[in-house]
Amino acid sequence: MPPECFRFNDIIPDPEFNSSCSDKVNQPAALLAVGSICGADRSYDSIMVKDDAEECLRRLIYATAANSSKLTPSAYRLISVLVVRPWSLMEVCSKQEIINMVTDAKMETTKKGMEARHECCVAISNALSTSNRLNDAVLAGIAAKLQEAIKRGPYLAKRHIESQPVVVTADRF
């Protein structure tokens, strides 16, 4: 096993540790660290890591993704970097729950969360547009849903709703 795997495994909290109250502090820090390892702090051209580290990263993500039920700003940041990888892009697109969370403007209530969610939408959309799989009807639908979320922007924007005339009959004595 490459040495990079040991560093990845030391960063992610143990699933048994998830029930303790100190996990609320450690898990976002762990996600930030994994995001940095995945390339969130590097330029787009240097996001990918060496092949053996990439395989280790894939195993780590699969092993820990099942333990997370809510997306935090750190998780959005991690997804934004991971979707550059074809295997991760296909995993994210195959999970309708993830797409629904990322495109739902009401999912986040903080400014930082809304911005992270929106940036995640942009990253997934960009990764989809550069992939050669947009001729798939399901992926084209996901791309359209992401584009709609991007157009609405990060801050709880509502869909454009046409005004409806209201007709009320007059009260008579």
N, C-alpha and C. Protein backbone atom coordinates (compact mmCIF):
# COMPACT_ATOMS: atom_id res chain seq x y z
N MET A 1 0.85 -1.18 0.00
CA MET A 1 0.00 0.00 0.00
C MET A 1 0.89 1.24 0.00
N PRO A 2 0.62 2.20 -0.89
CA PRO A 2 1.47 3.39 -0.96
C PRO A 2 1.39 4.21 0.33
N PRO A 3 2.45 4.94 0.64
CA PRO A 3 2.45 5.72 1.87
C PRO A 3 1.36 6.79 1.91
N GLU A 4 0.88 7.26 0.73
CA GLU A 4 -0.16 8.27 0.73
C GLU A 4 -1.43 7.77 1.41
N CYS A 5 -1.68 6.45 1.33
CA CYS A 5 -2.89 5.89 1.93
C CYS A 5 -2.89 6.06 3.44
N PHE A 6 -1.74 5.93 4.03
CA PHE A 6 -1.69 6.08 5.48
C PHE A 6 -2.04 7.50 5.88
N ARG A 7 -1.59 8.47 5.12
CA ARG A 7 -1.94 9.85 5.43
C ARG A 7 -3.44 10.10 5.25
N PHE A 8 -4.04 9.55 4.19
CA PHE A 8 -5.47 9.71 3.99
C PHE A 8 -6.25 9.10 5.14
N ASN A 9 -5.88 7.90 5.55
CA ASN A 9 -6.62 7.22 6.60
C ASN A 9 -6.47 7.91 7.95
N ASP A 10 -5.37 8.58 8.19
CA ASP A 10 -5.20 9.29 9.45
C ASP A 10 -6.06 10.55 9.52
N ILE A 11 -6.45 11.07 8.38
CA ILE A 11 -7.19 12.33 8.35
C ILE A 11 -8.68 12.12 8.62
N ILE A 12 -9.25 11.04 8.08
CA ILE A 12 -10.69 10.81 8.22
C ILE A 12 -10.98 10.18 9.57
N PRO A 13 -11.93 10.74 10.34
CA PRO A 13 -12.27 10.17 11.64
C PRO A 13 -12.81 8.75 11.50
N ASP A 14 -12.55 7.93 12.48
CA ASP A 14 -13.05 6.56 12.54
C ASP A 14 -14.57 6.60 12.63
N PRO A 15 -15.29 5.69 11.91
CA PRO A 15 -16.76 5.72 11.98
C PRO A 15 -17.29 5.59 13.41
N GLU A 16 -16.62 4.84 14.28
CA GLU A 16 -17.07 4.73 15.67
C GLU A 16 -16.92 6.07 16.38
N PHE A 17 -15.99 6.90 15.90
CA PHE A 17 -15.74 8.21 16.48
C PHE A 17 -16.85 9.20 16.12
N ASN A 18 -17.60 8.87 15.06
CA ASN A 18 -18.63 9.80 14.56
C ASN A 18 -19.72 10.10 15.57
N SER A 19 -19.95 9.22 16.54
CA SER A 19 -21.03 9.46 17.48
C SER A 19 -20.63 10.39 18.61
N SER A 20 -19.34 10.64 18.77
CA SER A 20 -18.92 11.53 19.86
C SER A 20 -19.14 12.97 19.48
N CYS A 21 -19.22 13.84 20.48
CA CYS A 21 -19.54 15.24 20.20
C CYS A 21 -18.35 15.99 19.64
N SER A 22 -17.12 15.51 19.86
CA SER A 22 -15.96 16.21 19.31
C SER A 22 -15.84 15.99 17.81
N ASP A 23 -16.59 15.03 17.27
CA ASP A 23 -16.58 14.78 15.83
C ASP A 23 -17.10 15.98 15.06
N LYS A 24 -18.02 16.73 15.63
CA LYS A 24 -18.57 17.90 14.95
C LYS A 24 -17.48 18.91 14.63
N VAL A 25 -16.41 18.89 15.39
CA VAL A 25 -15.28 19.77 15.14
C VAL A 25 -14.30 19.10 14.18
N ASN A 26 -14.04 17.81 14.37
CA ASN A 26 -13.03 17.12 13.59
C ASN A 26 -13.44 16.80 12.16
N GLN A 27 -14.71 16.48 11.90
CA GLN A 27 -15.10 16.09 10.56
C GLN A 27 -14.95 17.21 9.54
N PRO A 28 -15.39 18.44 9.81
CA PRO A 28 -15.13 19.50 8.81
C PRO A 28 -13.64 19.73 8.58
N ALA A 29 -12.85 19.64 9.62
CA ALA A 29 -11.41 19.80 9.46
C ALA A 29 -10.84 18.67 8.61
N ALA A 30 -11.36 17.46 8.81
CA ALA A 30 -10.90 16.32 8.01
C ALA A 30 -11.29 16.51 6.55
N LEU A 31 -12.51 16.98 6.30
CA LEU A 31 -12.94 17.21 4.92
C LEU A 31 -12.11 18.30 4.26
N LEU A 32 -11.78 19.35 5.01
CA LEU A 32 -10.91 20.40 4.46
C LEU A 32 -9.55 19.84 4.11
N ALA A 33 -9.02 18.98 4.98
CA ALA A 33 -7.70 18.40 4.73
C ALA A 33 -7.73 17.49 3.50
N VAL A 34 -8.76 16.66 3.39
CA VAL A 34 -8.86 15.78 2.22
C VAL A 34 -9.06 16.62 0.96
N GLY A 35 -9.84 17.69 1.06
CA GLY A 35 -10.00 18.59 -0.08
C GLY A 35 -8.68 19.18 -0.53
N SER A 36 -7.84 19.55 0.42
CA SER A 36 -6.51 20.07 0.08
C SER A 36 -5.65 19.00 -0.58
N ILE A 37 -5.72 17.78 -0.05
CA ILE A 37 -4.96 16.68 -0.66
C ILE A 37 -5.45 16.41 -2.07
N CYS A 38 -6.77 16.51 -2.27
CA CYS A 38 -7.35 16.26 -3.59
C CYS A 38 -7.05 17.36 -4.60
N GLY A 39 -6.64 18.51 -4.13
CA GLY A 39 -6.23 19.57 -5.04
C GLY A 39 -7.04 20.84 -4.97
N ALA A 40 -7.85 21.02 -3.93
CA ALA A 40 -8.67 22.23 -3.84
C ALA A 40 -7.82 23.49 -3.76
N ASP A 41 -6.60 23.38 -3.28
CA ASP A 41 -5.74 24.54 -3.14
C ASP A 41 -4.75 24.67 -4.30
N ARG A 42 -4.85 23.76 -5.29
CA ARG A 42 -3.93 23.81 -6.43
C ARG A 42 -4.67 24.30 -7.67
N SER A 43 -3.92 24.68 -8.67
CA SER A 43 -4.53 25.13 -9.92
C SER A 43 -5.23 23.96 -10.60
N TYR A 44 -6.14 24.26 -11.50
CA TYR A 44 -6.95 23.24 -12.17
C TYR A 44 -6.08 22.21 -12.88
N ASP A 45 -4.96 22.65 -13.45
CA ASP A 45 -4.09 21.75 -14.20
C ASP A 45 -3.34 20.77 -13.32
N SER A 46 -3.20 21.07 -12.03
CA SER A 46 -2.42 20.19 -11.16
C SER A 46 -3.26 19.56 -10.05
N ILE A 47 -4.55 19.40 -10.30
CA ILE A 47 -5.44 18.81 -9.29
C ILE A 47 -5.16 17.32 -9.10
N MET A 48 -4.92 16.61 -10.18
CA MET A 48 -4.73 15.16 -10.10
C MET A 48 -3.44 14.84 -9.36
N VAL A 49 -3.45 13.69 -8.65
CA VAL A 49 -2.27 13.21 -7.95
C VAL A 49 -1.75 11.98 -8.68
N LYS A 50 -0.66 11.40 -8.21
CA LYS A 50 -0.08 10.21 -8.85
C LYS A 50 -1.09 9.07 -8.86
N ASP A 51 -0.90 8.13 -9.78
CA ASP A 51 -1.85 7.04 -9.98
C ASP A 51 -2.11 6.22 -8.72
N ASP A 52 -1.05 5.87 -7.98
CA ASP A 52 -1.26 5.06 -6.78
C ASP A 52 -1.99 5.85 -5.70
N ALA A 53 -1.70 7.13 -5.59
CA ALA A 53 -2.41 7.97 -4.63
C ALA A 53 -3.85 8.19 -5.08
N GLU A 54 -4.06 8.28 -6.38
CA GLU A 54 -5.42 8.45 -6.92
C GLU A 54 -6.28 7.22 -6.60
N GLU A 55 -5.71 6.04 -6.74
CA GLU A 55 -6.43 4.81 -6.39
C GLU A 55 -6.72 4.74 -4.90
N CYS A 56 -5.78 5.15 -4.10
CA CYS A 56 -5.98 5.18 -2.65
C CYS A 56 -7.07 6.19 -2.29
N LEU A 57 -7.07 7.31 -2.94
CA LEU A 57 -8.08 8.34 -2.73
C LEU A 57 -9.46 7.80 -3.08
N ARG A 58 -9.55 7.08 -4.17
CA ARG A 58 -10.83 6.50 -4.59
C ARG A 58 -11.36 5.55 -3.52
N ARG A 59 -10.50 4.68 -3.01
CA ARG A 59 -10.92 3.75 -1.95
C ARG A 59 -11.36 4.49 -0.70
N LEU A 60 -10.63 5.53 -0.35
CA LEU A 60 -10.97 6.33 0.83
C LEU A 60 -12.34 6.99 0.67
N ILE A 61 -12.58 7.57 -0.47
CA ILE A 61 -13.85 8.27 -0.71
C ILE A 61 -15.01 7.27 -0.67
N TYR A 62 -14.86 6.12 -1.31
CA TYR A 62 -15.92 5.11 -1.28
C TYR A 62 -16.18 4.62 0.14
N ALA A 63 -15.12 4.45 0.91
CA ALA A 63 -15.26 3.92 2.27
C ALA A 63 -15.93 4.92 3.20
N THR A 64 -15.69 6.19 3.02
CA THR A 64 -16.21 7.19 3.96
C THR A 64 -17.49 7.88 3.50
N ALA A 65 -17.81 7.82 2.21
CA ALA A 65 -19.00 8.52 1.70
C ALA A 65 -20.28 7.98 2.32
N ALA A 66 -20.31 6.72 2.64
CA ALA A 66 -21.52 6.12 3.21
C ALA A 66 -21.81 6.67 4.61
N ASN A 67 -20.81 7.21 5.29
CA ASN A 67 -21.00 7.69 6.65
C ASN A 67 -21.50 9.13 6.73
N SER A 68 -21.64 9.80 5.60
CA SER A 68 -22.02 11.20 5.61
C SER A 68 -23.44 11.36 5.07
N SER A 69 -24.28 12.08 5.82
CA SER A 69 -25.67 12.26 5.38
C SER A 69 -25.97 13.71 5.02
N LYS A 70 -25.17 14.65 5.48
CA LYS A 70 -25.41 16.07 5.21
C LYS A 70 -24.18 16.66 4.55
N LEU A 71 -24.40 17.53 3.60
CA LEU A 71 -23.29 18.19 2.95
C LEU A 71 -22.98 19.49 3.68
N THR A 72 -21.74 19.67 4.04
CA THR A 72 -21.27 20.88 4.70
C THR A 72 -20.48 21.68 3.67
N PRO A 73 -20.14 22.94 3.96
CA PRO A 73 -19.29 23.68 3.01
C PRO A 73 -17.99 22.92 2.68
N SER A 74 -17.44 22.22 3.65
CA SER A 74 -16.23 21.43 3.40
C SER A 74 -16.52 20.29 2.43
N ALA A 75 -17.68 19.67 2.56
CA ALA A 75 -18.05 18.57 1.67
C ALA A 75 -18.29 19.10 0.25
N TYR A 76 -18.92 20.26 0.13
CA TYR A 76 -19.11 20.86 -1.19
C TYR A 76 -17.75 21.14 -1.84
N ARG A 77 -16.82 21.64 -1.06
CA ARG A 77 -15.47 21.92 -1.56
C ARG A 77 -14.80 20.64 -2.04
N LEU A 78 -14.96 19.58 -1.28
CA LEU A 78 -14.38 18.28 -1.65
C LEU A 78 -15.01 17.74 -2.92
N ILE A 79 -16.32 17.80 -3.02
CA ILE A 79 -17.01 17.32 -4.23
C ILE A 79 -16.56 18.14 -5.44
N SER A 80 -16.40 19.45 -5.26
CA SER A 80 -15.98 20.31 -6.37
C SER A 80 -14.65 19.89 -6.95
N VAL A 81 -13.76 19.40 -6.10
CA VAL A 81 -12.44 18.96 -6.57
C VAL A 81 -12.51 17.54 -7.10
N LEU A 82 -13.31 16.71 -6.48
CA LEU A 82 -13.36 15.30 -6.89
C LEU A 82 -14.01 15.11 -8.26
N VAL A 83 -14.97 15.95 -8.64
CA VAL A 83 -15.68 15.72 -9.91
C VAL A 83 -14.79 15.92 -11.13
N VAL A 84 -13.59 16.43 -10.95
CA VAL A 84 -12.64 16.52 -12.05
C VAL A 84 -12.22 15.12 -12.48
N ARG A 85 -12.28 14.18 -11.54
CA ARG A 85 -11.93 12.80 -11.80
C ARG A 85 -13.14 12.08 -12.40
N PRO A 86 -12.97 11.41 -13.54
CA PRO A 86 -14.13 10.77 -14.19
C PRO A 86 -14.87 9.78 -13.29
N TRP A 87 -14.16 9.00 -12.51
CA TRP A 87 -14.84 8.03 -11.64
C TRP A 87 -15.73 8.73 -10.62
N SER A 88 -15.26 9.85 -10.10
CA SER A 88 -16.03 10.58 -9.11
C SER A 88 -17.22 11.30 -9.75
N LEU A 89 -17.01 11.86 -10.91
CA LEU A 89 -18.10 12.53 -11.62
C LEU A 89 -19.25 11.56 -11.86
N MET A 90 -18.93 10.35 -12.30
CA MET A 90 -19.98 9.37 -12.56
C MET A 90 -20.67 8.93 -11.27
N GLU A 91 -19.91 8.84 -10.19
CA GLU A 91 -20.52 8.48 -8.89
C GLU A 91 -21.47 9.58 -8.42
N VAL A 92 -21.05 10.83 -8.52
CA VAL A 92 -21.89 11.95 -8.10
C VAL A 92 -23.15 12.01 -8.96
N CYS A 93 -23.00 11.85 -10.25
CA CYS A 93 -24.15 11.92 -11.15
C CYS A 93 -25.08 10.72 -11.00
N SER A 94 -24.56 9.61 -10.53
CA SER A 94 -25.41 8.43 -10.36
C SER A 94 -26.22 8.49 -9.07
N LYS A 95 -25.89 9.40 -8.18
CA LYS A 95 -26.61 9.55 -6.91
C LYS A 95 -27.53 10.76 -7.00
N GLN A 96 -28.79 10.51 -7.26
CA GLN A 96 -29.76 11.59 -7.42
C GLN A 96 -29.88 12.43 -6.15
N GLU A 97 -29.66 11.80 -4.98
CA GLU A 97 -29.74 12.55 -3.72
C GLU A 97 -28.69 13.66 -3.68
N ILE A 98 -27.49 13.36 -4.17
CA ILE A 98 -26.42 14.37 -4.17
C ILE A 98 -26.80 15.52 -5.11
N ILE A 99 -27.27 15.18 -6.30
CA ILE A 99 -27.66 16.22 -7.26
C ILE A 99 -28.78 17.06 -6.68
N ASN A 100 -29.75 16.43 -6.02
CA ASN A 100 -30.86 17.18 -5.41
C ASN A 100 -30.36 18.11 -4.32
N MET A 101 -29.44 17.64 -3.49
CA MET A 101 -28.89 18.48 -2.41
C MET A 101 -28.13 19.67 -2.97
N VAL A 102 -27.33 19.41 -3.99
CA VAL A 102 -26.47 20.45 -4.55
C VAL A 102 -27.29 21.50 -5.30
N THR A 103 -28.40 21.10 -5.90
CA THR A 103 -29.19 22.04 -6.69
C THR A 103 -30.32 22.69 -5.90
N ASP A 104 -30.56 22.25 -4.68
CA ASP A 104 -31.63 22.80 -3.86
C ASP A 104 -31.14 24.06 -3.14
N ALA A 105 -31.67 25.21 -3.55
CA ALA A 105 -31.24 26.49 -2.97
C ALA A 105 -31.61 26.61 -1.50
N LYS A 106 -32.61 25.87 -1.05
CA LYS A 106 -33.04 25.95 0.34
C LYS A 106 -32.24 25.04 1.26
N MET A 107 -31.32 24.27 0.70
CA MET A 107 -30.54 23.31 1.48
C MET A 107 -29.62 24.01 2.48
N GLU A 108 -29.09 25.14 2.11
CA GLU A 108 -28.14 25.86 2.96
C GLU A 108 -28.76 27.17 3.44
N THR A 109 -28.42 27.56 4.67
CA THR A 109 -28.96 28.80 5.21
C THR A 109 -27.89 29.84 5.50
N THR A 110 -26.62 29.43 5.50
CA THR A 110 -25.54 30.39 5.75
C THR A 110 -24.95 30.87 4.43
N LYS A 111 -24.40 32.05 4.44
CA LYS A 111 -23.79 32.62 3.23
C LYS A 111 -22.67 31.71 2.71
N LYS A 112 -21.82 31.25 3.62
CA LYS A 112 -20.71 30.38 3.23
C LYS A 112 -21.22 29.07 2.63
N GLY A 113 -22.25 28.50 3.23
CA GLY A 113 -22.83 27.26 2.72
C GLY A 113 -23.46 27.45 1.35
N MET A 114 -24.19 28.55 1.17
CA MET A 114 -24.83 28.84 -0.11
C MET A 114 -23.79 29.02 -1.21
N GLU A 115 -22.72 29.74 -0.90
CA GLU A 115 -21.67 29.96 -1.90
C GLU A 115 -20.95 28.66 -2.23
N ALA A 116 -20.69 27.84 -1.23
CA ALA A 116 -20.01 26.56 -1.46
C ALA A 116 -20.90 25.64 -2.30
N ARG A 117 -22.20 25.62 -2.00
CA ARG A 117 -23.14 24.80 -2.76
C ARG A 117 -23.17 25.25 -4.22
N HIS A 118 -23.20 26.57 -4.44
CA HIS A 118 -23.24 27.11 -5.80
C HIS A 118 -21.94 26.78 -6.55
N GLU A 119 -20.80 26.95 -5.90
CA GLU A 119 -19.52 26.61 -6.53
C GLU A 119 -19.45 25.13 -6.88
N CYS A 120 -20.05 24.31 -6.04
CA CYS A 120 -20.11 22.87 -6.31
C CYS A 120 -20.94 22.61 -7.57
N CYS A 121 -22.07 23.30 -7.70
CA CYS A 121 -22.90 23.18 -8.92
C CYS A 121 -22.09 23.54 -10.15
N VAL A 122 -21.36 24.64 -10.06
CA VAL A 122 -20.54 25.09 -11.19
C VAL A 122 -19.48 24.05 -11.53
N ALA A 123 -18.83 23.49 -10.52
CA ALA A 123 -17.77 22.49 -10.76
C ALA A 123 -18.33 21.23 -11.41
N ILE A 124 -19.47 20.75 -10.92
CA ILE A 124 -20.07 19.55 -11.51
C ILE A 124 -20.50 19.84 -12.95
N SER A 125 -21.10 21.00 -13.16
CA SER A 125 -21.54 21.37 -14.50
C SER A 125 -20.36 21.47 -15.47
N ASN A 126 -19.28 22.10 -15.02
CA ASN A 126 -18.08 22.20 -15.87
C ASN A 126 -17.50 20.84 -16.17
N ALA A 127 -17.45 19.97 -15.17
CA ALA A 127 -16.92 18.62 -15.38
C ALA A 127 -17.81 17.84 -16.36
N LEU A 128 -19.12 18.00 -16.24
CA LEU A 128 -20.03 17.32 -17.16
C LEU A 128 -19.87 17.85 -18.58
N SER A 129 -19.72 19.17 -18.71
CA SER A 129 -19.62 19.75 -20.05
C SER A 129 -18.33 19.34 -20.76
N THR A 130 -17.28 19.05 -20.00
CA THR A 130 -16.03 18.62 -20.63
C THR A 130 -15.97 17.11 -20.83
N SER A 131 -16.90 16.37 -20.22
CA SER A 131 -16.91 14.92 -20.42
C SER A 131 -17.55 14.62 -21.77
N ASN A 132 -17.31 13.43 -22.25
CA ASN A 132 -17.87 13.04 -23.55
C ASN A 132 -19.18 12.28 -23.38
N ARG A 133 -19.85 12.42 -22.27
CA ARG A 133 -21.05 11.63 -21.99
C ARG A 133 -22.33 12.46 -21.98
N LEU A 134 -22.29 13.67 -22.51
CA LEU A 134 -23.48 14.51 -22.49
C LEU A 134 -24.57 14.03 -23.44
N ASN A 135 -24.25 13.08 -24.32
CA ASN A 135 -25.28 12.56 -25.20
C ASN A 135 -26.20 11.57 -24.46
N ASP A 136 -25.83 11.18 -23.26
CA ASP A 136 -26.69 10.35 -22.41
C ASP A 136 -27.84 11.23 -21.90
N ALA A 137 -29.07 10.75 -22.05
CA ALA A 137 -30.25 11.55 -21.68
C ALA A 137 -30.28 11.88 -20.19
N VAL A 138 -29.89 10.95 -19.34
CA VAL A 138 -29.89 11.18 -17.89
C VAL A 138 -28.88 12.27 -17.53
N LEU A 139 -27.68 12.17 -18.08
CA LEU A 139 -26.65 13.18 -17.79
C LEU A 139 -27.03 14.53 -18.38
N ALA A 140 -27.68 14.54 -19.52
CA ALA A 140 -28.14 15.81 -20.10
C ALA A 140 -29.19 16.45 -19.19
N GLY A 141 -30.06 15.65 -18.60
CA GLY A 141 -31.04 16.17 -17.65
C GLY A 141 -30.39 16.73 -16.40
N ILE A 142 -29.35 16.05 -15.91
CA ILE A 142 -28.61 16.54 -14.75
C ILE A 142 -27.91 17.85 -15.09
N ALA A 143 -27.33 17.91 -16.28
CA ALA A 143 -26.65 19.14 -16.71
C ALA A 143 -27.64 20.30 -16.78
N ALA A 144 -28.85 20.05 -17.27
CA ALA A 144 -29.86 21.10 -17.34
C ALA A 144 -30.28 21.55 -15.94
N LYS A 145 -30.43 20.60 -15.03
CA LYS A 145 -30.81 20.93 -13.65
C LYS A 145 -29.71 21.76 -12.99
N LEU A 146 -28.45 21.41 -13.24
CA LEU A 146 -27.33 22.17 -12.69
C LEU A 146 -27.29 23.58 -13.28
N GLN A 147 -27.53 23.70 -14.58
CA GLN A 147 -27.52 25.02 -15.22
C GLN A 147 -28.61 25.91 -14.64
N GLU A 148 -29.77 25.33 -14.38
CA GLU A 148 -30.87 26.09 -13.77
C GLU A 148 -30.47 26.59 -12.38
N ALA A 149 -29.83 25.73 -11.60
CA ALA A 149 -29.38 26.11 -10.26
C ALA A 149 -28.30 27.20 -10.34
N ILE A 150 -27.43 27.10 -11.31
CA ILE A 150 -26.37 28.10 -11.49
C ILE A 150 -26.97 29.46 -11.87
N LYS A 151 -27.97 29.44 -12.74
CA LYS A 151 -28.63 30.69 -13.15
C LYS A 151 -29.31 31.38 -11.97
N ARG A 152 -29.88 30.60 -11.06
CA ARG A 152 -30.55 31.18 -9.89
C ARG A 152 -29.55 31.84 -8.96
N GLY A 153 -28.30 31.41 -9.00
CA GLY A 153 -27.28 31.99 -8.14
C GLY A 153 -27.25 31.32 -6.78
N PRO A 154 -26.34 31.75 -5.94
CA PRO A 154 -26.14 31.07 -4.66
C PRO A 154 -27.14 31.41 -3.56
N TYR A 155 -27.81 32.53 -3.64
CA TYR A 155 -28.55 33.04 -2.49
C TYR A 155 -30.05 32.87 -2.59
N LEU A 156 -30.57 31.73 -2.27
CA LEU A 156 -32.00 31.46 -2.13
C LEU A 156 -32.88 32.13 -3.17
N ALA A 157 -32.41 32.24 -4.38
CA ALA A 157 -33.21 32.85 -5.44
C ALA A 157 -34.34 31.91 -5.81
N LYS A 158 -35.51 32.47 -5.98
CA LYS A 158 -36.66 31.67 -6.38
C LYS A 158 -36.71 31.62 -7.89
N ARG A 159 -37.37 30.58 -8.37
CA ARG A 159 -37.59 30.49 -9.81
C ARG A 159 -38.48 31.64 -10.24
N HIS A 160 -38.31 32.05 -11.50
CA HIS A 160 -39.13 33.14 -12.03
C HIS A 160 -40.56 32.65 -12.14
N ILE A 161 -41.44 33.31 -11.44
CA ILE A 161 -42.85 32.93 -11.44
C ILE A 161 -43.65 34.08 -12.04
N GLU A 162 -44.46 33.75 -13.02
CA GLU A 162 -45.30 34.76 -13.64
C GLU A 162 -46.38 35.18 -12.65
N SER A 163 -46.72 36.45 -12.69
CA SER A 163 -47.78 36.92 -11.80
C SER A 163 -49.12 36.38 -12.27
N GLN A 164 -49.93 36.06 -11.31
CA GLN A 164 -51.26 35.53 -11.60
C GLN A 164 -52.30 36.55 -11.17
N PRO A 165 -53.24 36.91 -12.05
CA PRO A 165 -54.29 37.84 -11.64
C PRO A 165 -55.24 37.17 -10.64
N VAL A 166 -55.64 37.92 -9.69
CA VAL A 166 -56.55 37.39 -8.67
C VAL A 166 -57.88 38.10 -8.86
N VAL A 167 -58.91 37.32 -9.05
CA VAL A 167 -60.24 37.88 -9.25
C VAL A 167 -61.06 37.53 -8.01
N VAL A 168 -61.56 38.58 -7.37
CA VAL A 168 -62.37 38.40 -6.17
C VAL A 168 -63.71 39.05 -6.40
N THR A 169 -64.77 38.33 -6.10
CA THR A 169 -66.09 38.92 -6.26
C THR A 169 -66.35 39.89 -5.12
N ALA A 170 -67.10 40.92 -5.41
CA ALA A 170 -67.42 41.93 -4.40
C ALA A 170 -68.45 41.38 -3.42
N ASP A 171 -68.31 41.74 -2.16
CA ASP A 171 -69.29 41.33 -1.16
C ASP A 171 -70.53 42.21 -1.32
N ARG A 172 -71.68 41.60 -1.32
CA ARG A 172 -72.94 42.36 -1.43
C ARG A 172 -73.78 42.13 -0.20
N PHE A 173 -74.55 43.13 0.12
CA PHE A 173 -75.43 43.03 1.29
C PHE A 173 -76.62 42.17 1.02
